[in-house]
Amino acid sequence: LKAGSLSGNWKNEDINHDLTKNIPISLPDNSVKAIYASHVIEHI
């Protein structure tokens, strides 16, 4: 979430996404090899 106080150093290819809105991340099905989510899910 780009507006989050912990977010920074944004790049053009980054995806601005609010995990509290229950909308899919804007990428196609079967397009990702690995997902890393560190100290994220406790915030939602």
PDB file of all heavy atoms in Angstrom:
ATOM      1  N   LEU A   1       0.861  -1.170   0.000  1.00  0.00           N
ATOM      2  CA  LEU A   1       0.000   0.000   0.000  1.00  0.00           C
ATOM      3  C   LEU A   1       0.902   1.226   0.000  1.00  0.00           C
ATOM      4  O   LEU A   1       1.599   1.501   0.980  1.00  0.00           O
ATOM      5  CB  LEU A   1      -0.910  -0.009   1.229  1.00  0.00           C
ATOM      6  CG  LEU A   1      -1.889   1.157   1.367  1.00  0.00           C
ATOM      7  CD1 LEU A   1      -2.871   1.172   0.207  1.00  0.00           C
ATOM      8  CD2 LEU A   1      -2.632   1.071   2.695  1.00  0.00           C
ATOM      9  N   LYS A   2       0.903   1.938  -1.091  1.00  0.00           N
ATOM     10  CA  LYS A   2       1.835   3.052  -1.257  1.00  0.00           C
ATOM     11  C   LYS A   2       1.638   4.122  -0.189  1.00  0.00           C
ATOM     12  O   LYS A   2       2.588   4.793   0.216  1.00  0.00           O
ATOM     13  CB  LYS A   2       1.676   3.660  -2.652  1.00  0.00           C
ATOM     14  CG  LYS A   2       2.778   4.632  -3.027  1.00  0.00           C
ATOM     15  CD  LYS A   2       2.675   5.045  -4.490  1.00  0.00           C
ATOM     16  CE  LYS A   2       3.850   5.929  -4.887  1.00  0.00           C
ATOM     17  NZ  LYS A   2       3.791   6.303  -6.320  1.00  0.00           N
ATOM     18  N   ALA A   3       0.409   4.266   0.293  1.00  0.00           N
ATOM     19  CA  ALA A   3       0.112   5.300   1.280  1.00  0.00           C
ATOM     20  C   ALA A   3       0.535   4.895   2.695  1.00  0.00           C
ATOM     21  O   ALA A   3       0.499   5.702   3.616  1.00  0.00           O
ATOM     22  CB  ALA A   3      -1.376   5.626   1.267  1.00  0.00           C
ATOM     23  N   GLY A   4       0.926   3.648   2.887  1.00  0.00           N
ATOM     24  CA  GLY A   4       1.294   3.181   4.219  1.00  0.00           C
ATOM     25  C   GLY A   4       2.545   3.870   4.738  1.00  0.00           C
ATOM     26  O   GLY A   4       3.471   4.160   3.988  1.00  0.00           O
ATOM     27  N   SER A   5       2.590   4.099   6.054  1.00  0.00           N
ATOM     28  CA  SER A   5       3.718   4.822   6.641  1.00  0.00           C
ATOM     29  C   SER A   5       5.006   4.008   6.604  1.00  0.00           C
ATOM     30  O   SER A   5       6.094   4.560   6.715  1.00  0.00           O
ATOM     31  CB  SER A   5       3.394   5.197   8.090  1.00  0.00           C
ATOM     32  OG  SER A   5       3.223   4.040   8.895  1.00  0.00           O
ATOM     33  N   LEU A   6       4.895   2.685   6.445  1.00  0.00           N
ATOM     34  CA  LEU A   6       6.088   1.834   6.404  1.00  0.00           C
ATOM     35  C   LEU A   6       6.594   1.618   4.986  1.00  0.00           C
ATOM     36  O   LEU A   6       7.615   0.988   4.777  1.00  0.00           O
ATOM     37  CB  LEU A   6       5.785   0.473   7.046  1.00  0.00           C
ATOM     38  CG  LEU A   6       5.387   0.502   8.522  1.00  0.00           C
ATOM     39  CD1 LEU A   6       5.086  -0.901   9.020  1.00  0.00           C
ATOM     40  CD2 LEU A   6       6.482   1.141   9.370  1.00  0.00           C
ATOM     41  N   SER A   7       5.858   2.125   3.997  1.00  0.00           N
ATOM     42  CA  SER A   7       6.214   1.898   2.611  1.00  0.00           C
ATOM     43  C   SER A   7       7.133   3.004   2.102  1.00  0.00           C
ATOM     44  O   SER A   7       7.016   4.161   2.494  1.00  0.00           O
ATOM     45  CB  SER A   7       4.945   1.824   1.748  1.00  0.00           C
ATOM     46  OG  SER A   7       5.251   1.505   0.417  1.00  0.00           O
ATOM     47  N   GLY A   8       8.066   2.642   1.201  1.00  0.00           N
ATOM     48  CA  GLY A   8       8.984   3.642   0.663  1.00  0.00           C
ATOM     49  C   GLY A   8       9.825   3.075  -0.460  1.00  0.00           C
ATOM     50  O   GLY A   8       9.717   1.905  -0.817  1.00  0.00           O
ATOM     51  N   ASN A   9      10.672   3.935  -1.038  1.00  0.00           N
ATOM     52  CA  ASN A   9      11.587   3.546  -2.119  1.00  0.00           C
ATOM     53  C   ASN A   9      10.855   2.964  -3.324  1.00  0.00           C
ATOM     54  O   ASN A   9      11.270   1.973  -3.916  1.00  0.00           O
ATOM     55  CB  ASN A   9      12.621   2.529  -1.617  1.00  0.00           C
ATOM     56  CG  ASN A   9      13.441   3.063  -0.462  1.00  0.00           C
ATOM     57  OD1 ASN A   9      13.730   4.257  -0.402  1.00  0.00           O
ATOM     58  ND2 ASN A   9      13.814   2.195   0.458  1.00  0.00           N
ATOM     59  N   TRP A  10       9.740   3.571  -3.703  1.00  0.00           N
ATOM     60  CA  TRP A  10       8.908   3.021  -4.765  1.00  0.00           C
ATOM     61  C   TRP A  10       9.589   3.041  -6.121  1.00  0.00           C
ATOM     62  O   TRP A  10      10.323   3.962  -6.462  1.00  0.00           O
ATOM     63  CB  TRP A  10       7.577   3.783  -4.838  1.00  0.00           C
ATOM     64  CG  TRP A  10       6.591   3.187  -3.884  1.00  0.00           C
ATOM     65  CD1 TRP A  10       6.536   3.405  -2.548  1.00  0.00           C
ATOM     66  CD2 TRP A  10       5.578   2.237  -4.185  1.00  0.00           C
ATOM     67  NE1 TRP A  10       5.536   2.649  -1.982  1.00  0.00           N
ATOM     68  CE2 TRP A  10       4.926   1.934  -2.965  1.00  0.00           C
ATOM     69  CE3 TRP A  10       5.145   1.633  -5.354  1.00  0.00           C
ATOM     70  CZ2 TRP A  10       3.869   1.045  -2.886  1.00  0.00           C
ATOM     71  CZ3 TRP A  10       4.087   0.740  -5.277  1.00  0.00           C
ATOM     72  CH2 TRP A  10       3.464   0.449  -4.052  1.00  0.00           C
ATOM     73  N   LYS A  11       9.322   1.989  -6.908  1.00  0.00           N
ATOM     74  CA  LYS A  11       9.792   1.887  -8.284  1.00  0.00           C
ATOM     75  C   LYS A  11       8.581   1.780  -9.205  1.00  0.00           C
ATOM     76  O   LYS A  11       7.488   1.418  -8.773  1.00  0.00           O
ATOM     77  CB  LYS A  11      10.689   0.651  -8.453  1.00  0.00           C
ATOM     78  CG  LYS A  11      11.969   0.695  -7.625  1.00  0.00           C
ATOM     79  CD  LYS A  11      12.808  -0.550  -7.884  1.00  0.00           C
ATOM     80  CE  LYS A  11      14.109  -0.507  -7.085  1.00  0.00           C
ATOM     81  NZ  LYS A  11      14.939  -1.707  -7.336  1.00  0.00           N
ATOM     82  N   ASN A  12       8.801   2.071 -10.476  1.00  0.00           N
ATOM     83  CA  ASN A  12       7.697   2.069 -11.433  1.00  0.00           C
ATOM     84  C   ASN A  12       6.998   0.721 -11.534  1.00  0.00           C
ATOM     85  O   ASN A  12       5.792   0.644 -11.746  1.00  0.00           O
ATOM     86  CB  ASN A  12       8.198   2.484 -12.823  1.00  0.00           C
ATOM     87  CG  ASN A  12       8.574   3.952 -12.871  1.00  0.00           C
ATOM     88  OD1 ASN A  12       8.066   4.754 -12.081  1.00  0.00           O
ATOM     89  ND2 ASN A  12       9.466   4.304 -13.775  1.00  0.00           N
ATOM     90  N   GLU A  13       7.763  -0.371 -11.387  1.00  0.00           N
ATOM     91  CA  GLU A  13       7.174  -1.694 -11.551  1.00  0.00           C
ATOM     92  C   GLU A  13       6.472  -2.203 -10.288  1.00  0.00           C
ATOM     93  O   GLU A  13       5.847  -3.260 -10.299  1.00  0.00           O
ATOM     94  CB  GLU A  13       8.236  -2.712 -11.981  1.00  0.00           C
ATOM     95  CG  GLU A  13       9.367  -2.912 -10.987  1.00  0.00           C
ATOM     96  CD  GLU A  13      10.556  -1.995 -11.239  1.00  0.00           C
ATOM     97  OE1 GLU A  13      10.354  -0.931 -11.846  1.00  0.00           O
ATOM     98  OE2 GLU A  13      11.671  -2.363 -10.831  1.00  0.00           O
ATOM     99  N   ASP A  14       6.572  -1.463  -9.179  1.00  0.00           N
ATOM    100  CA  ASP A  14       5.894  -1.869  -7.957  1.00  0.00           C
ATOM    101  C   ASP A  14       4.374  -1.802  -8.132  1.00  0.00           C
ATOM    102  O   ASP A  14       3.861  -1.022  -8.934  1.00  0.00           O
ATOM    103  CB  ASP A  14       6.307  -0.971  -6.790  1.00  0.00           C
ATOM    104  CG  ASP A  14       7.758  -1.186  -6.376  1.00  0.00           C
ATOM    105  OD1 ASP A  14       8.345  -2.197  -6.796  1.00  0.00           O
ATOM    106  OD2 ASP A  14       8.295  -0.344  -5.645  1.00  0.00           O
ATOM    107  N   ILE A  15       3.671  -2.628  -7.354  1.00  0.00           N
ATOM    108  CA  ILE A  15       2.209  -2.697  -7.453  1.00  0.00           C
ATOM    109  C   ILE A  15       1.586  -2.099  -6.194  1.00  0.00           C
ATOM    110  O   ILE A  15       1.790  -2.604  -5.083  1.00  0.00           O
ATOM    111  CB  ILE A  15       1.741  -4.148  -7.637  1.00  0.00           C
ATOM    112  CG1 ILE A  15       2.334  -4.730  -8.924  1.00  0.00           C
ATOM    113  CG2 ILE A  15       0.223  -4.232  -7.652  1.00  0.00           C
ATOM    114  CD1 ILE A  15       2.044  -6.204  -9.118  1.00  0.00           C
ATOM    115  N   ASN A  16       0.850  -1.011  -6.358  1.00  0.00           N
ATOM    116  CA  ASN A  16       0.151  -0.376  -5.248  1.00  0.00           C
ATOM    117  C   ASN A  16      -1.138  -1.148  -4.988  1.00  0.00           C
ATOM    118  O   ASN A  16      -2.044  -1.170  -5.820  1.00  0.00           O
ATOM    119  CB  ASN A  16      -0.148   1.087  -5.608  1.00  0.00           C
ATOM    120  CG  ASN A  16      -0.764   1.842  -4.441  1.00  0.00           C
ATOM    121  OD1 ASN A  16      -0.689   1.410  -3.298  1.00  0.00           O
ATOM    122  ND2 ASN A  16      -1.383   2.971  -4.734  1.00  0.00           N
ATOM    123  N   HIS A  17      -1.213  -1.810  -3.834  1.00  0.00           N
ATOM    124  CA  HIS A  17      -2.327  -2.731  -3.600  1.00  0.00           C
ATOM    125  C   HIS A  17      -2.735  -2.687  -2.135  1.00  0.00           C
ATOM    126  O   HIS A  17      -1.896  -2.789  -1.235  1.00  0.00           O
ATOM    127  CB  HIS A  17      -1.910  -4.151  -3.993  1.00  0.00           C
ATOM    128  CG  HIS A  17      -3.013  -5.149  -3.910  1.00  0.00           C
ATOM    129  ND1 HIS A  17      -3.936  -5.327  -4.921  1.00  0.00           N
ATOM    130  CD2 HIS A  17      -3.362  -6.029  -2.933  1.00  0.00           C
ATOM    131  CE1 HIS A  17      -4.791  -6.275  -4.584  1.00  0.00           C
ATOM    132  NE2 HIS A  17      -4.469  -6.710  -3.373  1.00  0.00           N
ATOM    133  N   ASP A  18      -4.037  -2.582  -1.881  1.00  0.00           N
ATOM    134  CA  ASP A  18      -4.582  -2.561  -0.526  1.00  0.00           C
ATOM    135  C   ASP A  18      -5.130  -3.945  -0.196  1.00  0.00           C
ATOM    136  O   ASP A  18      -6.156  -4.370  -0.742  1.00  0.00           O
ATOM    137  CB  ASP A  18      -5.691  -1.509  -0.434  1.00  0.00           C
ATOM    138  CG  ASP A  18      -6.172  -1.287   1.002  1.00  0.00           C
ATOM    139  OD1 ASP A  18      -5.872  -2.131   1.865  1.00  0.00           O
ATOM    140  OD2 ASP A  18      -6.862  -0.280   1.235  1.00  0.00           O
ATOM    141  N   LEU A  19      -4.465  -4.635   0.709  1.00  0.00           N
ATOM    142  CA  LEU A  19      -4.857  -6.002   1.047  1.00  0.00           C
ATOM    143  C   LEU A  19      -6.173  -6.070   1.817  1.00  0.00           C
ATOM    144  O   LEU A  19      -6.738  -7.152   1.963  1.00  0.00           O
ATOM    145  CB  LEU A  19      -3.751  -6.668   1.880  1.00  0.00           C
ATOM    146  CG  LEU A  19      -2.414  -6.902   1.174  1.00  0.00           C
ATOM    147  CD1 LEU A  19      -1.377  -7.436   2.167  1.00  0.00           C
ATOM    148  CD2 LEU A  19      -2.567  -7.856   0.005  1.00  0.00           C
ATOM    149  N   THR A  20      -6.670  -4.939   2.297  1.00  0.00           N
ATOM    150  CA  THR A  20      -7.922  -4.951   3.056  1.00  0.00           C
ATOM    151  C   THR A  20      -9.148  -4.831   2.162  1.00  0.00           C
ATOM    152  O   THR A  20     -10.275  -4.900   2.653  1.00  0.00           O
ATOM    153  CB  THR A  20      -7.954  -3.806   4.089  1.00  0.00           C
ATOM    154  OG1 THR A  20      -8.032  -2.544   3.403  1.00  0.00           O
ATOM    155  CG2 THR A  20      -6.719  -3.836   4.980  1.00  0.00           C
ATOM    156  N   LYS A  21      -8.956  -4.652   0.854  1.00  0.00           N
ATOM    157  CA  LYS A  21     -10.085  -4.447  -0.051  1.00  0.00           C
ATOM    158  C   LYS A  21     -10.584  -5.736  -0.699  1.00  0.00           C
ATOM    159  O   LYS A  21     -11.590  -5.737  -1.398  1.00  0.00           O
ATOM    160  CB  LYS A  21      -9.707  -3.449  -1.150  1.00  0.00           C
ATOM    161  CG  LYS A  21      -9.283  -2.085  -0.631  1.00  0.00           C
ATOM    162  CD  LYS A  21     -10.365  -1.432   0.229  1.00  0.00           C
ATOM    163  CE  LYS A  21      -9.941  -0.043   0.675  1.00  0.00           C
ATOM    164  NZ  LYS A  21     -10.919   0.558   1.613  1.00  0.00           N
ATOM    165  N   ASN A  22      -9.871  -6.840  -0.479  1.00  0.00           N
ATOM    166  CA  ASN A  22     -10.259  -8.139  -1.051  1.00  0.00           C
ATOM    167  C   ASN A  22     -10.451  -8.073  -2.560  1.00  0.00           C
ATOM    168  O   ASN A  22     -11.476  -8.527  -3.104  1.00  0.00           O
ATOM    169  CB  ASN A  22     -11.528  -8.678  -0.383  1.00  0.00           C
ATOM    170  CG  ASN A  22     -11.279  -9.154   1.038  1.00  0.00           C
ATOM    171  OD1 ASN A  22     -10.139  -9.218   1.490  1.00  0.00           O
ATOM    172  ND2 ASN A  22     -12.332  -9.477   1.753  1.00  0.00           N
ATOM    173  N   ILE A  23      -9.459  -7.520  -3.232  1.00  0.00           N
ATOM    174  CA  ILE A  23      -9.444  -7.519  -4.696  1.00  0.00           C
ATOM    175  C   ILE A  23      -8.166  -8.227  -5.154  1.00  0.00           C
ATOM    176  O   ILE A  23      -7.134  -8.151  -4.487  1.00  0.00           O
ATOM    177  CB  ILE A  23      -9.519  -6.094  -5.281  1.00  0.00           C
ATOM    178  CG1 ILE A  23      -8.376  -5.226  -4.741  1.00  0.00           C
ATOM    179  CG2 ILE A  23     -10.869  -5.459  -4.979  1.00  0.00           C
ATOM    180  CD1 ILE A  23      -8.335  -3.839  -5.331  1.00  0.00           C
ATOM    181  N   PRO A  24      -8.207  -8.926  -6.285  1.00  0.00           N
ATOM    182  CA  PRO A  24      -7.032  -9.676  -6.749  1.00  0.00           C
ATOM    183  C   PRO A  24      -5.855  -8.757  -7.061  1.00  0.00           C
ATOM    184  O   PRO A  24      -6.042  -7.619  -7.512  1.00  0.00           O
ATOM    185  CB  PRO A  24      -7.527 -10.381  -8.013  1.00  0.00           C
ATOM    186  CG  PRO A  24      -9.021 -10.373  -7.906  1.00  0.00           C
ATOM    187  CD  PRO A  24      -9.379  -9.124  -7.170  1.00  0.00           C
ATOM    188  N   ILE A  25      -4.668  -9.253  -6.813  1.00  0.00           N
ATOM    189  CA  ILE A  25      -3.463  -8.550  -7.240  1.00  0.00           C
ATOM    190  C   ILE A  25      -3.442  -8.551  -8.765  1.00  0.00           C
ATOM    191  O   ILE A  25      -3.747  -9.563  -9.400  1.00  0.00           O
ATOM    192  CB  ILE A  25      -2.213  -9.230  -6.664  1.00  0.00           C
ATOM    193  CG1 ILE A  25      -2.211  -9.083  -5.126  1.00  0.00           C
ATOM    194  CG2 ILE A  25      -0.927  -8.641  -7.247  1.00  0.00           C
ATOM    195  CD1 ILE A  25      -1.136  -9.872  -4.424  1.00  0.00           C
ATOM    196  N   SER A  26      -3.086  -7.428  -9.357  1.00  0.00           N
ATOM    197  CA  SER A  26      -3.239  -7.244 -10.808  1.00  0.00           C
ATOM    198  C   SER A  26      -2.150  -7.950 -11.612  1.00  0.00           C
ATOM    199  O   SER A  26      -1.318  -7.317 -12.264  1.00  0.00           O
ATOM    200  CB  SER A  26      -3.247  -5.750 -11.150  1.00  0.00           C
ATOM    201  OG  SER A  26      -2.081  -5.122 -10.639  1.00  0.00           O
ATOM    202  N   LEU A  27      -2.169  -9.272 -11.534  1.00  0.00           N
ATOM    203  CA  LEU A  27      -1.259 -10.117 -12.303  1.00  0.00           C
ATOM    204  C   LEU A  27      -2.041 -11.339 -12.792  1.00  0.00           C
ATOM    205  O   LEU A  27      -3.020 -11.750 -12.156  1.00  0.00           O
ATOM    206  CB  LEU A  27      -0.065 -10.570 -11.452  1.00  0.00           C
ATOM    207  CG  LEU A  27       0.957  -9.497 -11.064  1.00  0.00           C
ATOM    208  CD1 LEU A  27       1.948 -10.055 -10.060  1.00  0.00           C
ATOM    209  CD2 LEU A  27       1.691  -8.965 -12.283  1.00  0.00           C
ATOM    210  N   PRO A  28      -1.607 -11.948 -13.908  1.00  0.00           N
ATOM    211  CA  PRO A  28      -2.346 -13.100 -14.450  1.00  0.00           C
ATOM    212  C   PRO A  28      -2.212 -14.349 -13.585  1.00  0.00           C
ATOM    213  O   PRO A  28      -1.295 -14.479 -12.771  1.00  0.00           O
ATOM    214  CB  PRO A  28      -1.688 -13.325 -15.820  1.00  0.00           C
ATOM    215  CG  PRO A  28      -0.786 -12.168 -16.062  1.00  0.00           C
ATOM    216  CD  PRO A  28      -0.484 -11.543 -14.748  1.00  0.00           C
ATOM    217  N   ASP A  29      -3.126 -15.285 -13.797  1.00  0.00           N
ATOM    218  CA  ASP A  29      -3.058 -16.595 -13.151  1.00  0.00           C
ATOM    219  C   ASP A  29      -1.758 -17.296 -13.552  1.00  0.00           C
ATOM    220  O   ASP A  29      -1.259 -17.132 -14.670  1.00  0.00           O
ATOM    221  CB  ASP A  29      -4.229 -17.473 -13.575  1.00  0.00           C
ATOM    222  CG  ASP A  29      -5.573 -16.892 -13.164  1.00  0.00           C
ATOM    223  OD1 ASP A  29      -5.589 -15.831 -12.511  1.00  0.00           O
ATOM    224  OD2 ASP A  29      -6.605 -17.506 -13.501  1.00  0.00           O
ATOM    225  N   ASN A  30      -1.226 -18.102 -12.631  1.00  0.00           N
ATOM    226  CA  ASN A  30      -0.059 -18.954 -12.916  1.00  0.00           C
ATOM    227  C   ASN A  30       1.120 -18.167 -13.474  1.00  0.00           C
ATOM    228  O   ASN A  30       1.845 -18.643 -14.352  1.00  0.00           O
ATOM    229  CB  ASN A  30      -0.447 -20.058 -13.920  1.00  0.00           C
ATOM    230  CG  ASN A  30      -1.646 -20.860 -13.462  1.00  0.00           C
ATOM    231  OD1 ASN A  30      -1.682 -21.365 -12.344  1.00  0.00           O
ATOM    232  ND2 ASN A  30      -2.660 -20.951 -14.317  1.00  0.00           N
ATOM    233  N   SER A  31       1.337 -16.963 -12.958  1.00  0.00           N
ATOM    234  CA  SER A  31       2.398 -16.108 -13.494  1.00  0.00           C
ATOM    235  C   SER A  31       3.526 -15.848 -12.504  1.00  0.00           C
ATOM    236  O   SER A  31       4.449 -15.097 -12.793  1.00  0.00           O
ATOM    237  CB  SER A  31       1.806 -14.763 -13.934  1.00  0.00           C
ATOM    238  OG  SER A  31       1.265 -14.070 -12.819  1.00  0.00           O
ATOM    239  N   VAL A  32       3.461 -16.470 -11.323  1.00  0.00           N
ATOM    240  CA  VAL A  32       4.422 -16.167 -10.259  1.00  0.00           C
ATOM    241  C   VAL A  32       5.116 -17.444  -9.800  1.00  0.00           C
ATOM    242  O   VAL A  32       4.469 -18.479  -9.613  1.00  0.00           O
ATOM    243  CB  VAL A  32       3.708 -15.486  -9.065  1.00  0.00           C
ATOM    244  CG1 VAL A  32       4.659 -15.299  -7.898  1.00  0.00           C
ATOM    245  CG2 VAL A  32       3.119 -14.147  -9.487  1.00  0.00           C
ATOM    246  N   LYS A  33       6.421 -17.373  -9.635  1.00  0.00           N
ATOM    247  CA  LYS A  33       7.188 -18.538  -9.193  1.00  0.00           C
ATOM    248  C   LYS A  33       7.337 -18.600  -7.673  1.00  0.00           C
ATOM    249  O   LYS A  33       7.307 -19.669  -7.081  1.00  0.00           O
ATOM    250  CB  LYS A  33       8.580 -18.520  -9.849  1.00  0.00           C
ATOM    251  CG  LYS A  33       9.440 -19.736  -9.520  1.00  0.00           C
ATOM    252  CD  LYS A  33       8.806 -21.033 -10.001  1.00  0.00           C
ATOM    253  CE  LYS A  33       9.651 -22.248  -9.644  1.00  0.00           C
ATOM    254  NZ  LYS A  33       9.018 -23.490 -10.093  1.00  0.00           N
ATOM    255  N   ALA A  34       7.482 -17.438  -7.029  1.00  0.00           N
ATOM    256  CA  ALA A  34       7.652 -17.429  -5.575  1.00  0.00           C
ATOM    257  C   ALA A  34       7.049 -16.157  -5.001  1.00  0.00           C
ATOM    258  O   ALA A  34       7.129 -15.083  -5.601  1.00  0.00           O
ATOM    259  CB  ALA A  34       9.126 -17.528  -5.202  1.00  0.00           C
ATOM    260  N   ILE A  35       6.430 -16.288  -3.823  1.00  0.00           N
ATOM    261  CA  ILE A  35       5.850 -15.158  -3.109  1.00  0.00           C
ATOM    262  C   ILE A  35       6.418 -15.139  -1.698  1.00  0.00           C
ATOM    263  O   ILE A  35       6.404 -16.148  -0.990  1.00  0.00           O
ATOM    264  CB  ILE A  35       4.312 -15.260  -3.041  1.00  0.00           C
ATOM    265  CG1 ILE A  35       3.715 -15.274  -4.451  1.00  0.00           C
ATOM    266  CG2 ILE A  35       3.734 -14.110  -2.225  1.00  0.00           C
ATOM    267  CD1 ILE A  35       2.205 -15.528  -4.470  1.00  0.00           C
ATOM    268  N   TYR A  36       6.918 -13.970  -1.309  1.00  0.00           N
ATOM    269  CA  TYR A  36       7.461 -13.788   0.039  1.00  0.00           C
ATOM    270  C   TYR A  36       6.612 -12.737   0.742  1.00  0.00           C
ATOM    271  O   TYR A  36       6.407 -11.640   0.219  1.00  0.00           O
ATOM    272  CB  TYR A  36       8.914 -13.323  -0.051  1.00  0.00           C
ATOM    273  CG  TYR A  36       9.606 -13.112   1.278  1.00  0.00           C
ATOM    274  CD1 TYR A  36       9.918 -14.196   2.100  1.00  0.00           C
ATOM    275  CD2 TYR A  36       9.984 -11.839   1.696  1.00  0.00           C
ATOM    276  CE1 TYR A  36      10.576 -14.010   3.309  1.00  0.00           C
ATOM    277  CE2 TYR A  36      10.643 -11.643   2.895  1.00  0.00           C
ATOM    278  CZ  TYR A  36      10.947 -12.722   3.697  1.00  0.00           C
ATOM    279  OH  TYR A  36      11.602 -12.531   4.894  1.00  0.00           O
ATOM    280  N   ALA A  37       6.074 -13.076   1.909  1.00  0.00           N
ATOM    281  CA  ALA A  37       5.257 -12.141   2.682  1.00  0.00           C
ATOM    282  C   ALA A  37       5.719 -12.179   4.128  1.00  0.00           C
ATOM    283  O   ALA A  37       5.379 -13.093   4.876  1.00  0.00           O
ATOM    284  CB  ALA A  37       3.780 -12.499   2.569  1.00  0.00           C
ATOM    285  N   SER A  38       6.505 -11.191   4.510  1.00  0.00           N
ATOM    286  CA  SER A  38       7.103 -11.159   5.843  1.00  0.00           C
ATOM    287  C   SER A  38       6.450 -10.069   6.689  1.00  0.00           C
ATOM    288  O   SER A  38       6.464  -8.894   6.323  1.00  0.00           O
ATOM    289  CB  SER A  38       8.610 -10.904   5.735  1.00  0.00           C
ATOM    290  OG  SER A  38       9.185 -10.727   7.018  1.00  0.00           O
ATOM    291  N   HIS A  39       5.890 -10.476   7.821  1.00  0.00           N
ATOM    292  CA  HIS A  39       5.258  -9.560   8.775  1.00  0.00           C
ATOM    293  C   HIS A  39       4.253  -8.658   8.078  1.00  0.00           C
ATOM    294  O   HIS A  39       4.310  -7.428   8.150  1.00  0.00           O
ATOM    295  CB  HIS A  39       6.328  -8.769   9.542  1.00  0.00           C
ATOM    296  CG  HIS A  39       7.064  -9.634  10.516  1.00  0.00           C
ATOM    297  ND1 HIS A  39       6.671  -9.770  11.826  1.00  0.00           N
ATOM    298  CD2 HIS A  39       8.132 -10.463  10.358  1.00  0.00           C
ATOM    299  CE1 HIS A  39       7.481 -10.626  12.444  1.00  0.00           C
ATOM    300  NE2 HIS A  39       8.368 -11.064  11.565  1.00  0.00           N
ATOM    301  N   VAL A  40       3.314  -9.340   7.412  1.00  0.00           N
ATOM    302  CA  VAL A  40       2.255  -8.668   6.654  1.00  0.00           C
ATOM    303  C   VAL A  40       0.878  -9.078   7.165  1.00  0.00           C
ATOM    304  O   VAL A  40       0.037  -8.230   7.473  1.00  0.00           O
ATOM    305  CB  VAL A  40       2.361  -9.007   5.150  1.00  0.00           C
ATOM    306  CG1 VAL A  40       1.209  -8.367   4.376  1.00  0.00           C
ATOM    307  CG2 VAL A  40       3.696  -8.587   4.592  1.00  0.00           C
ATOM    308  N   ILE A  41       0.629 -10.375   7.271  1.00  0.00           N
ATOM    309  CA  ILE A  41      -0.738 -10.848   7.511  1.00  0.00           C
ATOM    310  C   ILE A  41      -1.271 -10.485   8.892  1.00  0.00           C
ATOM    311  O   ILE A  41      -2.490 -10.468   9.097  1.00  0.00           O
ATOM    312  CB  ILE A  41      -0.847 -12.377   7.288  1.00  0.00           C
ATOM    313  CG1 ILE A  41       0.107 -13.144   8.205  1.00  0.00           C
ATOM    314  CG2 ILE A  41      -0.579 -12.714   5.822  1.00  0.00           C
ATOM    315  CD1 ILE A  41      -0.062 -14.658   8.119  1.00  0.00           C
ATOM    316  N   GLU A  42      -0.395 -10.168   9.840  1.00  0.00           N
ATOM    317  CA  GLU A  42      -0.867  -9.732  11.150  1.00  0.00           C
ATOM    318  C   GLU A  42      -1.484  -8.326  11.091  1.00  0.00           C
ATOM    319  O   GLU A  42      -2.133  -7.886  12.045  1.00  0.00           O
ATOM    320  CB  GLU A  42       0.258  -9.783  12.185  1.00  0.00           C
ATOM    321  CG  GLU A  42       1.390  -8.787  11.968  1.00  0.00           C
ATOM    322  CD  GLU A  42       2.486  -9.328  11.066  1.00  0.00           C
ATOM    323  OE1 GLU A  42       2.235 -10.305  10.329  1.00  0.00           O
ATOM    324  OE2 GLU A  42       3.606  -8.778  11.116  1.00  0.00           O
ATOM    325  N   HIS A  43      -1.286  -7.636   9.957  1.00  0.00           N
ATOM    326  CA  HIS A  43      -1.813  -6.275   9.778  1.00  0.00           C
ATOM    327  C   HIS A  43      -3.178  -6.254   9.097  1.00  0.00           C
ATOM    328  O   HIS A  43      -3.722  -5.176   8.865  1.00  0.00           O
ATOM    329  CB  HIS A  43      -0.840  -5.443   8.940  1.00  0.00           C
ATOM    330  CG  HIS A  43       0.478  -5.210   9.604  1.00  0.00           C
ATOM    331  ND1 HIS A  43       0.686  -4.203  10.525  1.00  0.00           N
ATOM    332  CD2 HIS A  43       1.671  -5.866   9.487  1.00  0.00           C
ATOM    333  CE1 HIS A  43       1.955  -4.241  10.939  1.00  0.00           C
ATOM    334  NE2 HIS A  43       2.558  -5.242  10.327  1.00  0.00           N
ATOM    335  N   ILE A  44      -3.722  -7.430   8.772  1.00  0.00           N
ATOM    336  CA  ILE A  44      -5.020  -7.474   8.095  1.00  0.00           C
ATOM    337  C   ILE A  44      -5.938  -8.478   8.790  1.00  0.00           C
ATOM    338  O   ILE A  44      -5.482  -9.390   9.484  1.00  0.00           O
ATOM    339  CB  ILE A  44      -4.880  -7.824   6.592  1.00  0.00           C
ATOM    340  CG1 ILE A  44      -4.149  -9.157   6.403  1.00  0.00           C
ATOM    341  CG2 ILE A  44      -4.164  -6.707   5.854  1.00  0.00           C
ATOM    342  CD1 ILE A  44      -4.007  -9.577   4.932  1.00  0.00           C
TER     343      ILE A  44
END
